[in-house]
């Protein structure tokens, strides 16, 4: 159920949403990072949801190291927060 909600939300996600989310989490993305993240979410959402760690490793070298670490931190936070629903 939660996967369907995430997929539906991801399909409507904009680059501005990604920028705003990063700012709200005290991280400022470079324009190329926004493009990479946006593309990955829109093109690979099923893979990201089913094999998050492996999919993130594929883009690790395309992002700034601090950005990659922040993504991992946030994913781990939400996995823990919603573990009963995933």
PDB file of N, CA and C in Angstrom:
ATOM      1  N   UNK A   1       0.819  -1.196   0.000  1.00  0.00           N
ATOM      2  CA  UNK A   1       0.000   0.000   0.000  1.00  0.00           C
ATOM      3  C   UNK A   1       0.864   1.262   0.000  1.00  0.00           C
ATOM      4  N   UNK A   2       1.852   1.302   0.899  1.00  0.00           N
ATOM      5  CA  UNK A   2       2.709   2.477   0.973  1.00  0.00           C
ATOM      6  C   UNK A   2       3.512   2.664  -0.310  1.00  0.00           C
ATOM      7  N   UNK A   3       3.917   1.554  -0.930  1.00  0.00           N
ATOM      8  CA  UNK A   3       4.655   1.647  -2.188  1.00  0.00           C
ATOM      9  C   UNK A   3       3.819   2.349  -3.258  1.00  0.00           C
ATOM     10  N   UNK A   4       2.547   2.049  -3.289  1.00  0.00           N
ATOM     11  CA  UNK A   4       1.673   2.677  -4.281  1.00  0.00           C
ATOM     12  C   UNK A   4       1.552   4.178  -4.025  1.00  0.00           C
ATOM     13  N   UNK A   5       1.459   4.553  -2.777  1.00  0.00           N
ATOM     14  CA  UNK A   5       1.390   5.971  -2.418  1.00  0.00           C
ATOM     15  C   UNK A   5       2.684   6.680  -2.821  1.00  0.00           C
ATOM     16  N   UNK A   6       3.811   6.039  -2.540  1.00  0.00           N
ATOM     17  CA  UNK A   6       5.108   6.625  -2.895  1.00  0.00           C
ATOM     18  C   UNK A   6       5.224   6.767  -4.409  1.00  0.00           C
ATOM     19  N   UNK A   7       4.849   5.735  -5.141  1.00  0.00           N
ATOM     20  CA  UNK A   7       4.917   5.788  -6.607  1.00  0.00           C
ATOM     21  C   UNK A   7       4.030   6.902  -7.164  1.00  0.00           C
ATOM     22  N   UNK A   8       2.842   7.034  -6.627  1.00  0.00           N
ATOM     23  CA  UNK A   8       1.944   8.098  -7.092  1.00  0.00           C
ATOM     24  C   UNK A   8       2.529   9.473  -6.797  1.00  0.00           C
ATOM     25  N   UNK A   9       3.087   9.635  -5.616  1.00  0.00           N
ATOM     26  CA  UNK A   9       3.697  10.910  -5.269  1.00  0.00           C
ATOM     27  C   UNK A   9       4.898  11.188  -6.169  1.00  0.00           C
ATOM     28  N   UNK A  10       5.727  10.187  -6.390  1.00  0.00           N
ATOM     29  CA  UNK A  10       6.930  10.347  -7.216  1.00  0.00           C
ATOM     30  C   UNK A  10       6.578  10.781  -8.638  1.00  0.00           C
ATOM     31  N   UNK A  11       5.458  10.308  -9.136  1.00  0.00           N
ATOM     32  CA  UNK A  11       5.077  10.652 -10.511  1.00  0.00           C
ATOM     33  C   UNK A  11       4.701  12.130 -10.649  1.00  0.00           C
ATOM     34  N   UNK A  12       4.368  12.768  -9.547  1.00  0.00           N
ATOM     35  CA  UNK A  12       4.003  14.191  -9.594  1.00  0.00           C
ATOM     36  C   UNK A  12       5.121  15.101  -9.086  1.00  0.00           C
ATOM     37  N   UNK A  13       6.188  14.514  -8.625  1.00  0.00           N
ATOM     38  CA  UNK A  13       7.300  15.264  -8.059  1.00  0.00           C
ATOM     39  C   UNK A  13       7.963  16.158  -9.104  1.00  0.00           C
ATOM     40  N   UNK A  14       8.283  17.377  -8.716  1.00  0.00           N
ATOM     41  CA  UNK A  14       8.953  18.315  -9.617  1.00  0.00           C
ATOM     42  C   UNK A  14      10.370  18.594  -9.115  1.00  0.00           C
ATOM     43  N   UNK A  15      11.165  19.192  -9.960  1.00  0.00           N
ATOM     44  CA  UNK A  15      12.515  19.582  -9.539  1.00  0.00           C
ATOM     45  C   UNK A  15      12.441  20.595  -8.402  1.00  0.00           C
ATOM     46  N   UNK A  16      11.474  21.470  -8.466  1.00  0.00           N
ATOM     47  CA  UNK A  16      11.296  22.462  -7.389  1.00  0.00           C
ATOM     48  C   UNK A  16      10.992  21.772  -6.061  1.00  0.00           C
ATOM     49  N   UNK A  17      10.221  20.688  -6.090  1.00  0.00           N
ATOM     50  CA  UNK A  17       9.947  19.925  -4.869  1.00  0.00           C
ATOM     51  C   UNK A  17      11.239  19.363  -4.279  1.00  0.00           C
ATOM     52  N   UNK A  18      12.107  18.868  -5.142  1.00  0.00           N
ATOM     53  CA  UNK A  18      13.382  18.301  -4.695  1.00  0.00           C
ATOM     54  C   UNK A  18      14.250  19.390  -4.079  1.00  0.00           C
ATOM     55  N   UNK A  19      14.299  20.532  -4.723  1.00  0.00           N
ATOM     56  CA  UNK A  19      15.080  21.656  -4.201  1.00  0.00           C
ATOM     57  C   UNK A  19      14.544  22.099  -2.843  1.00  0.00           C
ATOM     58  N   UNK A  20      13.239  22.266  -2.752  1.00  0.00           N
ATOM     59  CA  UNK A  20      12.631  22.693  -1.487  1.00  0.00           C
ATOM     60  C   UNK A  20      12.858  21.678  -0.372  1.00  0.00           C
ATOM     61  N   UNK A  21      12.738  20.402  -0.699  1.00  0.00           N
ATOM     62  CA  UNK A  21      12.963  19.362   0.303  1.00  0.00           C
ATOM     63  C   UNK A  21      14.409  19.399   0.801  1.00  0.00           C
ATOM     64  N   UNK A  22      15.337  19.563  -0.110  1.00  0.00           N
ATOM     65  CA  UNK A  22      16.743  19.594   0.310  1.00  0.00           C
ATOM     66  C   UNK A  22      17.014  20.813   1.193  1.00  0.00           C
ATOM     67  N   UNK A  23      16.460  21.949   0.830  1.00  0.00           N
ATOM     68  CA  UNK A  23      16.646  23.157   1.643  1.00  0.00           C
ATOM     69  C   UNK A  23      16.031  22.967   3.026  1.00  0.00           C
ATOM     70  N   UNK A  24      14.846  22.368   3.082  1.00  0.00           N
ATOM     71  CA  UNK A  24      14.195  22.113   4.372  1.00  0.00           C
ATOM     72  C   UNK A  24      14.998  21.158   5.247  1.00  0.00           C
ATOM     73  N   UNK A  25      15.880  20.382   4.617  1.00  0.00           N
ATOM     74  CA  UNK A  25      16.740  19.457   5.355  1.00  0.00           C
ATOM     75  C   UNK A  25      18.181  19.978   5.433  1.00  0.00           C
ATOM     76  N   UNK A  26      18.310  21.287   5.291  1.00  0.00           N
ATOM     77  CA  UNK A  26      19.603  21.969   5.436  1.00  0.00           C
ATOM     78  C   UNK A  26      20.683  21.445   4.507  1.00  0.00           C
ATOM     79  N   UNK A  27      20.285  21.197   3.280  1.00  0.00           N
ATOM     80  CA  UNK A  27      21.249  20.761   2.279  1.00  0.00           C
ATOM     81  C   UNK A  27      20.918  21.475   0.978  1.00  0.00           C
ATOM     82  N   UNK A  28      21.940  22.000   0.341  1.00  0.00           N
ATOM     83  CA  UNK A  28      21.734  22.756  -0.887  1.00  0.00           C
ATOM     84  C   UNK A  28      22.334  21.988  -2.055  1.00  0.00           C
ATOM     85  N   UNK A  29      21.480  21.623  -2.986  1.00  0.00           N
ATOM     86  CA  UNK A  29      21.890  20.817  -4.130  1.00  0.00           C
ATOM     87  C   UNK A  29      22.383  21.689  -5.272  1.00  0.00           C
ATOM     88  N   UNK A  30      23.326  21.148  -6.012  1.00  0.00           N
ATOM     89  CA  UNK A  30      23.751  21.782  -7.251  1.00  0.00           C
ATOM     90  C   UNK A  30      22.742  21.400  -8.326  1.00  0.00           C
ATOM     91  N   UNK A  31      22.646  22.224  -9.346  1.00  0.00           N
ATOM     92  CA  UNK A  31      21.636  22.008 -10.380  1.00  0.00           C
ATOM     93  C   UNK A  31      21.758  20.618 -11.017  1.00  0.00           C
ATOM     94  N   UNK A  32      22.972  20.174 -11.289  1.00  0.00           N
ATOM     95  CA  UNK A  32      23.143  18.859 -11.902  1.00  0.00           C
ATOM     96  C   UNK A  32      22.703  17.733 -10.961  1.00  0.00           C
ATOM     97  N   UNK A  33      22.819  17.965  -9.646  1.00  0.00           N
ATOM     98  CA  UNK A  33      22.361  16.955  -8.696  1.00  0.00           C
ATOM     99  C   UNK A  33      20.844  16.861  -8.694  1.00  0.00           C
ATOM    100  N   UNK A  34      20.186  17.985  -8.801  1.00  0.00           N
ATOM    101  CA  UNK A  34      18.722  18.002  -8.892  1.00  0.00           C
ATOM    102  C   UNK A  34      18.297  17.216 -10.123  1.00  0.00           C
ATOM    103  N   UNK A  35      18.975  17.439 -11.230  1.00  0.00           N
ATOM    104  CA  UNK A  35      18.655  16.715 -12.471  1.00  0.00           C
ATOM    105  C   UNK A  35      18.834  15.213 -12.307  1.00  0.00           C
ATOM    106  N   UNK A  36      19.911  14.800 -11.676  1.00  0.00           N
ATOM    107  CA  UNK A  36      20.178  13.370 -11.469  1.00  0.00           C
ATOM    108  C   UNK A  36      19.119  12.758 -10.572  1.00  0.00           C
ATOM    109  N   UNK A  37      18.838  13.393  -9.460  1.00  0.00           N
ATOM    110  CA  UNK A  37      17.853  12.865  -8.505  1.00  0.00           C
ATOM    111  C   UNK A  37      16.477  12.806  -9.144  1.00  0.00           C
ATOM    112  N   UNK A  38      16.095  13.875  -9.820  1.00  0.00           N
ATOM    113  CA  UNK A  38      14.801  13.915 -10.501  1.00  0.00           C
ATOM    114  C   UNK A  38      14.685  12.783 -11.521  1.00  0.00           C
ATOM    115  N   UNK A  39      15.706  12.615 -12.317  1.00  0.00           N
ATOM    116  CA  UNK A  39      15.710  11.572 -13.341  1.00  0.00           C
ATOM    117  C   UNK A  39      15.611  10.181 -12.727  1.00  0.00           C
ATOM    118  N   UNK A  40      16.370   9.947 -11.683  1.00  0.00           N
ATOM    119  CA  UNK A  40      16.344   8.627 -11.031  1.00  0.00           C
ATOM    120  C   UNK A  40      14.962   8.327 -10.443  1.00  0.00           C
ATOM    121  N   UNK A  41      14.378   9.308  -9.813  1.00  0.00           N
ATOM    122  CA  UNK A  41      13.054   9.096  -9.210  1.00  0.00           C
ATOM    123  C   UNK A  41      12.016   8.824 -10.295  1.00  0.00           C
ATOM    124  N   UNK A  42      12.040   9.591 -11.355  1.00  0.00           N
ATOM    125  CA  UNK A  42      11.033   9.426 -12.400  1.00  0.00           C
ATOM    126  C   UNK A  42      11.253   8.194 -13.276  1.00  0.00           C
ATOM    127  N   UNK A  43      12.493   7.840 -13.496  1.00  0.00           N
ATOM    128  CA  UNK A  43      12.774   6.724 -14.408  1.00  0.00           C
ATOM    129  C   UNK A  43      12.970   5.378 -13.721  1.00  0.00           C
ATOM    130  N   UNK A  44      13.281   5.394 -12.441  1.00  0.00           N
ATOM    131  CA  UNK A  44      13.631   4.139 -11.754  1.00  0.00           C
ATOM    132  C   UNK A  44      12.950   3.961 -10.408  1.00  0.00           C
ATOM    133  N   UNK A  45      11.776   4.503 -10.251  1.00  0.00           N
ATOM    134  CA  UNK A  45      11.124   4.450  -8.942  1.00  0.00           C
ATOM    135  C   UNK A  45      10.909   3.016  -8.465  1.00  0.00           C
ATOM    136  N   UNK A  46      10.539   2.113  -9.346  1.00  0.00           N
ATOM    137  CA  UNK A  46      10.329   0.723  -8.921  1.00  0.00           C
ATOM    138  C   UNK A  46      11.625   0.108  -8.410  1.00  0.00           C
ATOM    139  N   UNK A  47      12.712   0.338  -9.120  1.00  0.00           N
ATOM    140  CA  UNK A  47      14.010  -0.174  -8.687  1.00  0.00           C
ATOM    141  C   UNK A  47      14.448   0.480  -7.378  1.00  0.00           C
ATOM    142  N   UNK A  48      14.238   1.766  -7.261  1.00  0.00           N
ATOM    143  CA  UNK A  48      14.598   2.463  -6.027  1.00  0.00           C
ATOM    144  C   UNK A  48      13.830   1.931  -4.824  1.00  0.00           C
ATOM    145  N   UNK A  49      12.572   1.633  -5.014  1.00  0.00           N
ATOM    146  CA  UNK A  49      11.763   1.123  -3.905  1.00  0.00           C
ATOM    147  C   UNK A  49      12.110  -0.311  -3.537  1.00  0.00           C
ATOM    148  N   UNK A  50      12.493  -1.098  -4.521  1.00  0.00           N
ATOM    149  CA  UNK A  50      12.742  -2.519  -4.261  1.00  0.00           C
ATOM    150  C   UNK A  50      14.188  -2.855  -3.925  1.00  0.00           C
ATOM    151  N   UNK A  51      15.125  -2.047  -4.386  1.00  0.00           N
ATOM    152  CA  UNK A  51      16.543  -2.314  -4.134  1.00  0.00           C
ATOM    153  C   UNK A  51      17.273  -0.982  -3.965  1.00  0.00           C
ATOM    154  N   UNK A  52      16.860  -0.250  -2.967  1.00  0.00           N
ATOM    155  CA  UNK A  52      17.326   1.120  -2.748  1.00  0.00           C
ATOM    156  C   UNK A  52      18.844   1.222  -2.704  1.00  0.00           C
ATOM    157  N   UNK A  53      19.470   0.402  -1.880  1.00  0.00           N
ATOM    158  CA  UNK A  53      20.919   0.500  -1.697  1.00  0.00           C
ATOM    159  C   UNK A  53      21.673   0.306  -3.007  1.00  0.00           C
ATOM    160  N   UNK A  54      21.303  -0.698  -3.740  1.00  0.00           N
ATOM    161  CA  UNK A  54      21.978  -0.998  -4.996  1.00  0.00           C
ATOM    162  C   UNK A  54      21.769   0.118  -6.023  1.00  0.00           C
ATOM    163  N   UNK A  55      20.571   0.636  -6.087  1.00  0.00           N
ATOM    164  CA  UNK A  55      20.276   1.698  -7.043  1.00  0.00           C
ATOM    165  C   UNK A  55      21.015   2.989  -6.690  1.00  0.00           C
ATOM    166  N   UNK A  56      21.136   3.265  -5.410  1.00  0.00           N
ATOM    167  CA  UNK A  56      21.862   4.470  -5.015  1.00  0.00           C
ATOM    168  C   UNK A  56      23.350   4.364  -5.307  1.00  0.00           C
ATOM    169  N   UNK A  57      23.877   3.170  -5.198  1.00  0.00           N
ATOM    170  CA  UNK A  57      25.297   2.972  -5.519  1.00  0.00           C
ATOM    171  C   UNK A  57      25.583   3.323  -6.975  1.00  0.00           C
ATOM    172  N   UNK A  58      24.600   3.146  -7.833  1.00  0.00           N
ATOM    173  CA  UNK A  58      24.768   3.450  -9.257  1.00  0.00           C
ATOM    174  C   UNK A  58      24.944   4.946  -9.517  1.00  0.00           C
ATOM    175  N   UNK A  59      24.402   5.779  -8.647  1.00  0.00           N
ATOM    176  CA  UNK A  59      24.525   7.224  -8.851  1.00  0.00           C
ATOM    177  C   UNK A  59      25.492   7.870  -7.860  1.00  0.00           C
ATOM    178  N   UNK A  60      26.067   7.087  -7.008  1.00  0.00           N
ATOM    179  CA  UNK A  60      26.965   7.604  -5.967  1.00  0.00           C
ATOM    180  C   UNK A  60      28.051   8.510  -6.542  1.00  0.00           C
ATOM    181  N   UNK A  61      28.697   8.087  -7.590  1.00  0.00           N
ATOM    182  CA  UNK A  61      29.801   8.854  -8.162  1.00  0.00           C
ATOM    183  C   UNK A  61      29.350  10.053  -8.988  1.00  0.00           C
ATOM    184  N   UNK A  62      28.069  10.158  -9.226  1.00  0.00           N
ATOM    185  CA  UNK A  62      27.542  11.289  -9.990  1.00  0.00           C
ATOM    186  C   UNK A  62      27.182  12.466  -9.079  1.00  0.00           C
ATOM    187  N   UNK A  63      27.077  12.195  -7.777  1.00  0.00           N
ATOM    188  CA  UNK A  63      26.670  13.212  -6.808  1.00  0.00           C
ATOM    189  C   UNK A  63      27.848  13.641  -5.950  1.00  0.00           C
ATOM    190  N   UNK A  64      27.712  14.823  -5.362  1.00  0.00           N
ATOM    191  CA  UNK A  64      28.691  15.246  -4.368  1.00  0.00           C
ATOM    192  C   UNK A  64      28.627  14.258  -3.196  1.00  0.00           C
ATOM    193  N   UNK A  65      29.765  14.034  -2.577  1.00  0.00           N
ATOM    194  CA  UNK A  65      29.822  13.066  -1.483  1.00  0.00           C
ATOM    195  C   UNK A  65      28.862  13.450  -0.352  1.00  0.00           C
ATOM    196  N   UNK A  66      28.800  14.726  -0.016  1.00  0.00           N
ATOM    197  CA  UNK A  66      27.902  15.164   1.061  1.00  0.00           C
ATOM    198  C   UNK A  66      26.434  14.938   0.692  1.00  0.00           C
ATOM    199  N   UNK A  67      26.105  15.110  -0.563  1.00  0.00           N
ATOM    200  CA  UNK A  67      24.736  14.872  -1.022  1.00  0.00           C
ATOM    201  C   UNK A  67      24.395  13.394  -0.899  1.00  0.00           C
ATOM    202  N   UNK A  68      25.302  12.548  -1.341  1.00  0.00           N
ATOM    203  CA  UNK A  68      25.081  11.101  -1.248  1.00  0.00           C
ATOM    204  C   UNK A  68      24.873  10.696   0.215  1.00  0.00           C
ATOM    205  N   UNK A  69      25.714  11.184   1.100  1.00  0.00           N
ATOM    206  CA  UNK A  69      25.587  10.847   2.524  1.00  0.00           C
ATOM    207  C   UNK A  69      24.267  11.347   3.101  1.00  0.00           C
ATOM    208  N   UNK A  70      23.844  12.518   2.690  1.00  0.00           N
ATOM    209  CA  UNK A  70      22.569  13.071   3.176  1.00  0.00           C
ATOM    210  C   UNK A  70      21.399  12.211   2.698  1.00  0.00           C
ATOM    211  N   UNK A  71      21.457  11.765   1.453  1.00  0.00           N
ATOM    212  CA  UNK A  71      20.401  10.894   0.920  1.00  0.00           C
ATOM    213  C   UNK A  71      20.336   9.601   1.728  1.00  0.00           C
ATOM    214  N   UNK A  72      21.481   9.002   1.985  1.00  0.00           N
ATOM    215  CA  UNK A  72      21.533   7.758   2.771  1.00  0.00           C
ATOM    216  C   UNK A  72      20.960   7.991   4.169  1.00  0.00           C
ATOM    217  N   UNK A  73      21.352   9.080   4.785  1.00  0.00           N
ATOM    218  CA  UNK A  73      20.857   9.407   6.125  1.00  0.00           C
ATOM    219  C   UNK A  73      19.337   9.554   6.133  1.00  0.00           C
ATOM    220  N   UNK A  74      18.801  10.273   5.166  1.00  0.00           N
ATOM    221  CA  UNK A  74      17.351  10.480   5.099  1.00  0.00           C
ATOM    222  C   UNK A  74      16.605   9.188   4.799  1.00  0.00           C
ATOM    223  N   UNK A  75      17.146   8.377   3.911  1.00  0.00           N
ATOM    224  CA  UNK A  75      16.503   7.103   3.597  1.00  0.00           C
ATOM    225  C   UNK A  75      16.462   6.209   4.831  1.00  0.00           C
ATOM    226  N   UNK A  76      17.565   6.143   5.534  1.00  0.00           N
ATOM    227  CA  UNK A  76      17.605   5.328   6.750  1.00  0.00           C
ATOM    228  C   UNK A  76      16.633   5.842   7.803  1.00  0.00           C
ATOM    229  N   UNK A  77      16.521   7.157   7.908  1.00  0.00           N
ATOM    230  CA  UNK A  77      15.570   7.758   8.839  1.00  0.00           C
ATOM    231  C   UNK A  77      14.135   7.326   8.508  1.00  0.00           C
ATOM    232  N   UNK A  78      13.770   7.432   7.229  1.00  0.00           N
ATOM    233  CA  UNK A  78      12.399   7.090   6.837  1.00  0.00           C
ATOM    234  C   UNK A  78      12.143   5.587   6.848  1.00  0.00           C
ATOM    235  N   UNK A  79      13.149   4.797   6.558  1.00  0.00           N
ATOM    236  CA  UNK A  79      12.984   3.343   6.662  1.00  0.00           C
ATOM    237  C   UNK A  79      12.684   2.951   8.102  1.00  0.00           C
ATOM    238  N   UNK A  80      13.384   3.578   9.033  1.00  0.00           N
ATOM    239  CA  UNK A  80      13.144   3.298  10.443  1.00  0.00           C
ATOM    240  C   UNK A  80      11.782   3.821  10.882  1.00  0.00           C
ATOM    241  N   UNK A  81      11.461   5.020  10.482  1.00  0.00           N
ATOM    242  CA  UNK A  81      10.200   5.639  10.872  1.00  0.00           C
ATOM    243  C   UNK A  81       8.982   4.858  10.369  1.00  0.00           C
ATOM    244  N   UNK A  82       9.085   4.313   9.142  1.00  0.00           N
ATOM    245  CA  UNK A  82       7.947   3.630   8.535  1.00  0.00           C
ATOM    246  C   UNK A  82       8.155   2.128   8.379  1.00  0.00           C
ATOM    247  N   UNK A  83       9.040   1.561   9.169  1.00  0.00           N
ATOM    248  CA  UNK A  83       9.364   0.138   9.025  1.00  0.00           C
ATOM    249  C   UNK A  83       8.145  -0.771   9.177  1.00  0.00           C
ATOM    250  N   UNK A  84       7.183  -0.368   9.943  1.00  0.00           N
ATOM    251  CA  UNK A  84       5.990  -1.191  10.128  1.00  0.00           C
ATOM    252  C   UNK A  84       5.057  -1.160   8.921  1.00  0.00           C
ATOM    253  N   UNK A  85       5.305  -0.243   8.000  1.00  0.00           N
ATOM    254  CA  UNK A  85       4.448  -0.091   6.848  1.00  0.00           C
ATOM    255  C   UNK A  85       5.088  -0.579   5.539  1.00  0.00           C
ATOM    256  N   UNK A  86       6.401  -0.810   5.582  1.00  0.00           N
ATOM    257  CA  UNK A  86       7.107  -1.195   4.366  1.00  0.00           C
ATOM    258  C   UNK A  86       7.196  -2.702   4.220  1.00  0.00           C
TER     259      UNK A  86
END
